[in-house]
Every structure is written in C-alpha cells, then in structure tokens.
Amino acid sequence: MIHIVRWHANTGRAEPASLDDLPPAFGELPAEDVVWIDLADPTPEEEDRVFRRFLPVHSLTLDDITKPRREPEQGSHLPKVEEFPDYLFVVVNPLPVLTPSPLGERGRGEGTLAKPDSIPIPPHPQGRGGSAKRLNKLARPQLSAVLTHHILVTHHYSPLPCVLDGQSQLARHGENLRRGPDFIFHLILDGIVDEYAPVVDRISERLDKLEGVMFRRPTPKVLAELLRVKREVSYMRKTLILEREVLARLIRGEFDLVDEREIAYYRNVYDHLVRYTDLIESAREMVSDLMQTHLAATSNKLNEIMKVLTMISTVVMPMNLIAGIYGMNFANLPEKDWQYGYPFALGLMALTAVASYTLFRWRKWL
C-alpha cells in the first residue's frame, strides 16, 4: 500500500495524494513542493514504479531495500547510511513486537522482545508483497528511507508505529511538511528511539526481579529466563550501536541533504539513543553478573545439600559400627546374654548421634 502526503507550496497546504497525482519523474516536481511517499507492504510492481520510474535508485540500494522479501532466511539489513549523487539512503531497524514474559505479570503489560525466528508479521493480502510465511522468518523489522531535497520515500514490510505516529502528526500539523524530508525523517527516527524507553525499563525491572528470585530459589527456570534476557539485551545492543553510528554521521553535517537547522533535532535524537545505549550496556553487565551469581548460588546450594548428606552419613556411621559389633554372635560376647544389651545398644547409637550433631554445631559446620 502506498500512502502519499504532498505539501503544495502555491496553496500552503498539505494534502493526501496518489502516484497518479505526481509527475512521471521526481525532477518535474515544483521546486518548493515536498512529498512523503510511504510504501507499506508494497508489491514488486509498486516498488518498481517508485524506485525505477519515479525516483530511480541504484541497483544496490534497491537490493538492500527489498532484501527482507528476496532473502527472508537472511533477515533484514543492519542499520547504515549511504550518500549517492541524487539521494541519501538510510536503513534502520525499529524494535520488533512484544510477547508475554514467562516470569512477567500477565495482567500488567509486561513483555519481552519476540524471539528472532518467531517475530509475528501480519499476513500479506493475497497477491501482495510475497509470501507471509517466508516473511515470518524476519529477524527484525527494516525501515528503509530515501531522501532528496523535496522527497522522502520510506519502505517497510511490516506495520511500524513510528511511521504511523509521523503520519498522525503531519495530519494534525501539515505545515511541518514544508520543512523538508530531513525534518520528516527526524520525526520517524525520534519515534523509533522513543520505542526503546519502555523496553529498557522493562528489562531493568525483570533483572531486578530475577536478582531477588535468584538468591531465594536459583532454579533452571530462572537461568532459562536470564539467558532469554541476555539474548534480548545482545540484540538491542547490536542494533543501538549501529543506529548510533548512523545518527552520529547525520549530526556531523556530513550530508548536504540534512539541513543545518535540522541537525539540532537529530542531535536530540542522538542524545536519547546514547542514553539508551548506556542503559543497555549496564543491563548487559548486570546480566553477566547475575549469571555468575546464579552459578555461585547454585554451587552454594549444592554445598549445603552435600553438607547435610555428609552430616547424616557421619551421624549414622557410628550407629552402623555399633550395630555391626553387637550383631556378632561370639560365645564370649559379654552383652550377648545381658538383658539390657539391646536397650544399651540403642542408647549408645542415640548418644553418638547427639554427640556428632553437637560437635558439628560447635565447629560451625552446620
């Protein structure tokens, strides 16, 4: 589906449009008009019409844009930014959807990142954009953007809240569209970065809960949950670091298509991204510490169990010795015919047990 919004410089208004309302080529647009074309789950025909006829892009750019559809087994492209003579090409990876956490509180909205091989993607309508079954293997969503002086083209195969929020904001404040494609793209990047805030907070809360549970009950289930958090943190860290590098290049004034007055907005997004990256780094260190703590807690628990078993064995051992001696049937055994021999043996066993236990307590082995 193609969603187009066009700012008409002659009327000073932003209005929805279609490809038929636009000139055959982007170079024929009026100099002051600004157009945002959003390709949401497009068909190959729609991609061809936009990226080959209206706004021709390099074949390598088109390969990167369509990579999730062409090579679903390899997943999406990692974040990057490239400059071409006529346009700026940017790839970013928004967060995937959330799934309930096994240790989370179901009724309070707690969740985790979906597993890389099971991130749900809405099924494609019949005949649109390829097979939904193949796209379900995507490791992460991909948002591709092509920017010129007057046109922003965004491309994605799954619904993205950051794009919907940008469209909603422009529907309320259409005059912002006249500030250019670089300003619109900043809104999308800001929405992507803002998505990290609740996820980072949720991971921190889960780690705090796991830390409390770990000391009370270091079970394999807790370790499995900790390993799952570790995978999520590693996934987010890799994405955040690459996106931070993309934004770092955008705020350096390296590209002519990012206006100097908009760099301040990109810098604000970059500052938020750096903050979340630092938090994820802290979470990564905490995960490593918790895994070491889990191993130590498990070892301590095993030591306690072995201590108890050793105590029981040591307590019972003198009883076995006494029972073995009194089980011998020698003719000259003094207690053999003694009427108090059996109670004496039982009492001696109990005495050795109490003595052993008292000794262990005195030596602080228990």
Protein backbone atom coordinates (compact mmCIF):
# COMPACT_ATOMS: atom_id res chain seq x y z
CA MET A 1 0.00 0.00 0.00
CA ILE A 2 1.25 3.47 -0.88
CA HIS A 3 0.49 6.42 1.35
CA ILE A 4 1.45 9.85 -0.03
CA VAL A 5 1.29 13.30 1.54
CA ARG A 6 2.21 16.36 -0.55
CA TRP A 7 2.91 19.91 0.53
CA HIS A 8 1.76 22.38 -2.13
CA ALA A 9 3.89 25.49 -1.95
CA ASN A 10 1.44 27.53 -4.04
CA THR A 11 -1.52 26.84 -1.72
CA GLY A 12 0.42 26.39 1.54
CA ARG A 13 -1.45 23.18 2.33
CA ALA A 14 -0.58 19.54 2.86
CA GLU A 15 -2.94 17.09 1.15
CA PRO A 16 -3.09 13.33 0.55
CA ALA A 17 -2.12 12.31 -2.97
CA SER A 18 -1.54 9.30 -5.18
CA LEU A 19 1.18 8.36 -7.63
CA ASP A 20 -1.10 9.41 -10.46
CA ASP A 21 -1.21 12.92 -9.00
CA LEU A 22 2.58 13.20 -9.15
CA PRO A 23 4.71 13.93 -12.21
CA PRO A 24 6.23 10.94 -14.01
CA ALA A 25 9.65 11.75 -12.55
CA PHE A 26 10.67 13.39 -9.29
CA GLY A 27 12.68 16.05 -11.14
CA GLU A 28 9.48 17.52 -12.56
CA LEU A 29 8.07 18.44 -9.15
CA PRO A 30 7.78 22.17 -8.38
CA ALA A 31 10.89 23.37 -6.58
CA GLU A 32 9.11 24.20 -3.31
CA ASP A 33 6.80 21.18 -3.07
CA VAL A 34 7.59 18.44 -0.54
CA VAL A 35 6.34 14.85 -0.87
CA TRP A 36 6.42 11.95 1.57
CA ILE A 37 5.81 8.55 -0.03
CA ASP A 38 5.35 5.66 2.39
CA LEU A 39 5.48 2.15 0.92
CA ALA A 40 3.85 -0.12 3.49
CA ASP A 41 3.99 -3.79 2.46
CA PRO A 42 4.31 -2.89 -1.24
CA THR A 43 4.03 -5.22 -4.18
CA PRO A 44 7.01 -5.65 -6.50
CA GLU A 45 5.07 -3.61 -9.07
CA GLU A 46 4.68 -0.71 -6.64
CA GLU A 47 8.36 -0.89 -5.74
CA ASP A 48 9.27 -0.86 -9.42
CA ARG A 49 7.04 2.13 -10.10
CA VAL A 50 8.55 4.20 -7.29
CA PHE A 51 12.21 3.13 -7.30
CA ARG A 52 12.73 2.59 -11.02
CA ARG A 53 10.46 5.09 -12.73
CA PHE A 54 9.50 7.94 -10.39
CA LEU A 55 12.69 8.07 -8.25
CA PRO A 56 15.33 5.83 -9.85
CA VAL A 57 17.80 4.47 -7.29
CA HIS A 58 20.99 2.48 -7.63
CA SER A 59 20.54 -1.26 -8.08
CA LEU A 60 22.47 -1.92 -4.85
CA THR A 61 20.10 0.41 -2.99
CA LEU A 62 17.10 -1.45 -4.38
CA ASP A 63 18.67 -4.75 -3.38
CA ASP A 64 19.09 -3.52 0.20
CA ILE A 65 15.54 -2.19 0.31
CA THR A 66 13.96 -5.42 -0.92
CA LYS A 67 16.32 -7.77 0.92
CA PRO A 68 13.70 -8.91 3.51
CA ARG A 69 11.39 -10.01 0.67
CA ARG A 70 14.06 -11.53 -1.56
CA GLU A 71 16.15 -13.22 1.14
CA PRO A 72 13.85 -13.85 4.11
CA GLU A 73 16.14 -16.56 5.50
CA GLN A 74 18.91 -13.97 5.99
CA GLY A 75 16.71 -11.41 7.70
CA SER A 76 16.76 -7.64 7.43
CA HIS A 77 19.66 -5.37 6.62
CA LEU A 78 21.56 -3.82 9.51
CA PRO A 79 21.42 -0.03 10.06
CA LYS A 80 23.54 2.05 7.71
CA VAL A 81 23.62 5.36 5.80
CA GLU A 82 24.96 5.90 2.26
CA GLU A 83 25.14 9.01 0.12
CA PHE A 84 24.53 8.91 -3.63
CA PRO A 85 24.67 11.81 -6.11
CA ASP A 86 20.87 12.32 -6.12
CA TYR A 87 19.74 10.96 -2.77
CA LEU A 88 20.61 9.81 0.73
CA PHE A 89 19.86 6.20 1.63
CA VAL A 90 19.30 5.17 5.27
CA VAL A 91 18.40 1.81 6.82
CA VAL A 92 17.28 1.49 10.46
CA ASN A 93 15.81 -1.37 12.49
CA PRO A 94 12.83 -0.50 14.71
CA LEU A 95 12.06 -2.75 17.62
CA PRO A 96 10.08 -5.95 16.94
CA VAL A 97 6.78 -6.59 18.63
CA LEU A 98 6.50 -7.73 22.27
CA THR A 99 5.46 -11.11 23.59
CA PRO A 100 4.44 -12.07 27.16
CA SER A 101 7.25 -12.98 29.53
CA PRO A 102 7.13 -16.36 31.33
CA LEU A 103 8.06 -14.71 34.64
CA GLY A 104 6.18 -11.48 33.95
CA GLU A 105 2.87 -10.38 35.38
CA ARG A 106 0.43 -11.12 32.61
CA GLY A 107 -2.13 -8.56 33.61
CA ARG A 108 0.23 -5.61 33.82
CA GLY A 109 1.53 -5.40 30.30
CA GLU A 110 4.93 -6.88 30.99
CA GLY A 111 6.57 -8.46 28.00
CA THR A 112 9.78 -9.29 26.21
CA LEU A 113 11.16 -8.97 22.74
CA ALA A 114 9.96 -11.65 20.40
CA LYS A 115 12.41 -14.39 19.56
CA PRO A 116 14.33 -13.55 16.37
CA ASP A 117 12.90 -16.52 14.48
CA SER A 118 9.30 -16.00 15.60
CA ILE A 119 8.58 -12.29 15.31
CA PRO A 120 5.00 -12.13 14.07
CA ILE A 121 4.41 -10.17 10.89
CA PRO A 122 0.86 -9.54 9.73
CA PRO A 123 -0.05 -11.77 6.80
CA HIS A 124 0.04 -10.23 3.37
CA PRO A 125 -3.18 -9.86 1.44
CA GLN A 126 -3.47 -12.32 -1.39
CA GLY A 127 -1.01 -11.47 -4.12
CA ARG A 128 0.73 -8.61 -2.26
CA GLY A 129 4.38 -8.36 -1.42
CA GLY A 130 5.27 -12.07 -1.45
CA SER A 131 4.61 -14.90 0.93
CA ALA A 132 3.69 -14.14 4.53
CA LYS A 133 5.11 -17.50 5.58
CA ARG A 134 8.56 -16.54 4.27
CA LEU A 135 8.45 -13.08 5.83
CA ASN A 136 7.62 -14.55 9.23
CA LYS A 137 11.27 -15.57 9.45
CA LEU A 138 12.45 -11.96 9.60
CA ALA A 139 14.87 -11.42 12.46
CA ARG A 140 13.97 -7.73 12.85
CA PRO A 141 11.85 -5.12 11.07
CA GLN A 142 13.58 -2.98 8.48
CA LEU A 143 12.77 0.62 7.63
CA SER A 144 14.47 1.94 4.50
CA ALA A 145 14.43 5.65 3.65
CA VAL A 146 15.46 7.53 0.51
CA LEU A 147 15.81 11.31 0.89
CA THR A 148 16.20 14.01 -1.74
CA HIS A 149 15.77 17.78 -1.37
CA HIS A 150 11.99 17.51 -1.85
CA ILE A 151 11.06 13.83 -1.47
CA LEU A 152 11.13 11.30 1.36
CA VAL A 153 10.38 7.68 0.47
CA THR A 154 10.01 5.21 3.35
CA HIS A 155 9.71 1.48 2.77
CA HIS A 156 8.80 -1.34 5.18
CA TYR A 157 7.08 -4.73 5.02
CA SER A 158 5.54 -4.73 8.50
CA PRO A 159 3.42 -2.06 10.25
CA LEU A 160 5.64 0.36 12.16
CA PRO A 161 4.29 2.59 14.96
CA CYS A 162 6.96 5.22 14.25
CA VAL A 163 5.64 5.72 10.70
CA LEU A 164 2.03 5.79 11.86
CA ASP A 165 2.89 8.36 14.52
CA GLY A 166 4.64 10.52 11.93
CA GLN A 167 1.64 10.38 9.63
CA SER A 168 -0.66 11.24 12.52
CA GLN A 169 1.47 14.22 13.49
CA LEU A 170 1.53 15.55 9.94
CA ALA A 171 -2.24 15.10 9.72
CA ARG A 172 -2.54 17.50 12.67
CA HIS A 173 0.29 19.84 11.69
CA GLY A 174 0.57 19.64 7.92
CA GLU A 175 2.67 22.80 7.77
CA ASN A 176 5.61 20.84 9.20
CA LEU A 177 5.85 19.08 5.86
CA ARG A 178 7.23 22.23 4.24
CA ARG A 179 10.34 21.96 6.42
CA GLY A 180 11.57 19.22 4.15
CA PRO A 181 12.21 15.47 4.04
CA ASP A 182 15.03 15.70 6.59
CA PHE A 183 12.64 17.08 9.22
CA ILE A 184 10.03 14.41 8.50
CA PHE A 185 12.66 11.68 8.73
CA HIS A 186 13.78 13.09 12.07
CA LEU A 187 10.23 12.56 13.36
CA ILE A 188 10.39 8.91 12.31
CA LEU A 189 13.81 8.40 13.92
CA ASP A 190 12.58 10.06 17.10
CA GLY A 191 9.65 7.64 17.19
CA ILE A 192 11.98 4.66 16.71
CA VAL A 193 14.25 5.76 19.57
CA ASP A 194 11.31 6.50 21.88
CA GLU A 195 10.21 2.88 21.49
CA TYR A 196 13.31 1.80 23.40
CA ALA A 197 12.37 3.64 26.61
CA PRO A 198 9.66 1.24 27.91
CA VAL A 199 11.58 -1.82 26.72
CA VAL A 200 14.78 -0.78 28.50
CA ASP A 201 12.80 -0.02 31.67
CA ARG A 202 11.05 -3.38 31.44
CA ILE A 203 14.35 -5.23 31.06
CA SER A 204 15.73 -3.44 34.12
CA GLU A 205 12.64 -4.42 36.13
CA ARG A 206 12.94 -8.04 35.02
CA LEU A 207 16.61 -8.13 36.00
CA ASP A 208 15.75 -6.74 39.44
CA LYS A 209 13.09 -9.42 39.89
CA LEU A 210 15.44 -12.15 38.70
CA GLU A 211 18.07 -10.93 41.14
CA GLY A 212 15.63 -11.31 44.04
CA VAL A 213 14.39 -14.71 42.91
CA MET A 214 17.90 -15.97 42.25
CA PHE A 215 19.04 -15.74 45.87
CA ARG A 216 15.88 -17.42 47.16
CA ARG A 217 15.43 -20.10 44.53
CA PRO A 218 18.16 -20.47 41.84
CA THR A 219 16.22 -22.90 39.65
CA PRO A 220 16.87 -23.87 35.99
CA LYS A 221 13.74 -21.87 35.07
CA VAL A 222 15.35 -18.70 36.41
CA LEU A 223 18.53 -19.45 34.45
CA ALA A 224 16.49 -20.01 31.27
CA GLU A 225 14.78 -16.64 31.75
CA LEU A 226 18.14 -15.00 32.38
CA LEU A 227 19.53 -16.44 29.15
CA ARG A 228 16.50 -15.13 27.29
CA VAL A 229 17.09 -11.65 28.70
CA LYS A 230 20.73 -11.93 27.67
CA ARG A 231 19.71 -12.64 24.06
CA GLU A 232 17.35 -9.65 24.08
CA VAL A 233 20.00 -7.35 25.52
CA SER A 234 22.55 -8.54 22.95
CA TYR A 235 20.04 -7.97 20.14
CA MET A 236 19.21 -4.45 21.34
CA ARG A 237 22.85 -3.57 21.97
CA LYS A 238 23.88 -4.53 18.45
CA THR A 239 21.03 -2.54 16.91
CA LEU A 240 21.54 0.50 19.14
CA ILE A 241 25.27 0.70 18.45
CA LEU A 242 24.77 0.59 14.69
CA GLU A 243 21.93 3.13 14.78
CA ARG A 244 24.07 5.37 16.98
CA GLU A 245 26.73 5.33 14.28
CA VAL A 246 24.14 6.28 11.66
CA LEU A 247 22.92 9.22 13.72
CA ALA A 248 26.49 10.26 14.54
CA ARG A 249 27.12 10.68 10.81
CA LEU A 250 23.87 12.57 10.32
CA ILE A 251 24.65 15.14 13.04
CA ARG A 252 28.20 15.84 11.83
CA GLY A 253 26.96 17.82 8.84
CA GLU A 254 28.46 15.21 6.56
CA PHE A 255 25.50 15.15 4.18
CA ASP A 256 24.13 18.13 2.23
CA LEU A 257 20.62 16.66 2.28
CA VAL A 258 20.41 17.14 6.06
CA ASP A 259 19.92 20.88 6.56
CA GLU A 260 22.00 22.58 9.21
CA ARG A 261 18.93 23.86 11.06
CA GLU A 262 17.62 20.29 11.40
CA ILE A 263 20.88 18.92 12.81
CA ALA A 264 19.85 20.15 16.27
CA TYR A 265 16.78 17.87 16.13
CA TYR A 266 18.90 14.93 15.01
CA ARG A 267 21.32 15.69 17.83
CA ASN A 268 18.46 15.47 20.32
CA VAL A 269 17.54 12.04 18.96
CA TYR A 270 21.20 11.04 19.14
CA ASP A 271 21.41 12.06 22.80
CA HIS A 272 18.40 9.86 23.63
CA LEU A 273 19.94 6.98 21.70
CA VAL A 274 23.25 7.33 23.56
CA ARG A 275 21.35 7.24 26.86
CA TYR A 276 19.53 4.03 25.95
CA THR A 277 22.78 2.51 24.67
CA ASP A 278 24.42 3.21 28.04
CA LEU A 279 21.45 1.66 29.85
CA ILE A 280 21.65 -1.43 27.67
CA GLU A 281 25.37 -1.68 28.35
CA SER A 282 24.61 -1.53 32.07
CA ALA A 283 21.94 -4.20 31.64
CA ARG A 284 24.44 -6.34 29.73
CA GLU A 285 26.92 -6.08 32.59
CA MET A 286 24.18 -6.86 35.08
CA VAL A 287 23.18 -9.96 33.12
CA SER A 288 26.77 -11.19 33.21
CA ASP A 289 26.97 -10.52 36.94
CA LEU A 290 23.67 -12.30 37.56
CA MET A 291 24.83 -15.34 35.60
CA GLN A 292 27.95 -15.51 37.75
CA THR A 293 25.76 -15.02 40.83
CA HIS A 294 23.46 -17.82 39.68
CA LEU A 295 26.40 -20.17 39.30
CA ALA A 296 27.67 -19.19 42.75
CA ALA A 297 24.21 -19.57 44.31
CA THR A 298 23.77 -22.97 42.68
CA SER A 299 27.19 -24.03 43.94
CA ASN A 300 26.37 -22.82 47.45
CA LYS A 301 23.08 -24.67 47.37
CA LEU A 302 24.88 -27.83 46.27
CA ASN A 303 27.39 -27.35 49.08
CA GLU A 304 24.58 -27.04 51.60
CA ILE A 305 22.99 -30.23 50.30
CA MET A 306 26.29 -32.09 50.42
CA LYS A 307 26.89 -30.79 53.94
CA VAL A 308 23.56 -32.17 55.14
CA LEU A 309 24.12 -35.50 53.41
CA THR A 310 27.62 -35.75 54.88
CA MET A 311 26.26 -34.94 58.33
CA ILE A 312 23.64 -37.67 58.03
CA SER A 313 26.25 -40.17 56.85
CA THR A 314 28.60 -39.23 59.67
CA VAL A 315 25.85 -39.48 62.27
CA VAL A 316 24.67 -42.86 61.04
CA MET A 317 28.16 -44.30 60.65
CA PRO A 318 28.77 -44.90 64.41
CA MET A 319 25.34 -46.49 64.64
CA ASN A 320 26.30 -48.92 61.90
CA LEU A 321 29.54 -49.63 63.70
CA ILE A 322 27.80 -50.39 66.98
CA ALA A 323 25.09 -52.40 65.27
CA GLY A 324 27.77 -54.37 63.41
CA ILE A 325 29.68 -55.15 66.60
CA TYR A 326 26.57 -56.17 68.50
CA GLY A 327 25.44 -58.22 65.57
CA MET A 328 28.37 -60.60 66.04
CA ASN A 329 27.43 -63.84 67.82
CA PHE A 330 30.69 -64.80 69.59
CA ALA A 331 30.29 -67.05 72.59
CA ASN A 332 32.31 -64.76 74.86
CA LEU A 333 30.47 -61.55 73.87
CA PRO A 334 29.61 -60.06 77.30
CA GLU A 335 26.41 -58.39 76.27
CA LYS A 336 25.13 -61.41 74.37
CA ASP A 337 23.07 -62.77 77.23
CA TRP A 338 22.65 -59.47 79.06
CA GLN A 339 19.01 -58.47 79.37
CA TYR A 340 19.85 -54.79 78.89
CA GLY A 341 22.18 -55.33 75.99
CA TYR A 342 19.69 -54.30 73.28
CA PRO A 343 18.48 -51.08 75.02
CA PHE A 344 22.11 -50.25 75.77
CA ALA A 345 23.00 -50.55 72.08
CA LEU A 346 20.10 -48.30 71.06
CA GLY A 347 21.03 -45.73 73.68
CA LEU A 348 24.64 -45.79 72.56
CA MET A 349 23.52 -45.14 68.98
CA ALA A 350 21.40 -42.18 70.09
CA LEU A 351 24.25 -40.83 72.19
CA THR A 352 26.73 -40.94 69.30
CA ALA A 353 24.18 -39.18 67.05
CA VAL A 354 23.67 -36.39 69.59
CA ALA A 355 27.41 -36.13 70.18
CA SER A 356 28.14 -35.88 66.46
CA TYR A 357 25.45 -33.24 65.95
CA THR A 358 26.74 -31.22 68.92
CA LEU A 359 30.29 -31.42 67.58
CA PHE A 360 29.17 -30.17 64.13
CA ARG A 361 27.29 -27.26 65.69
CA TRP A 362 30.24 -26.38 67.91
CA ARG A 363 32.62 -26.36 64.94
CA LYS A 364 30.03 -24.29 62.98
CA TRP A 365 29.84 -26.82 60.21
CA LEU A 366 26.03 -26.56 60.33
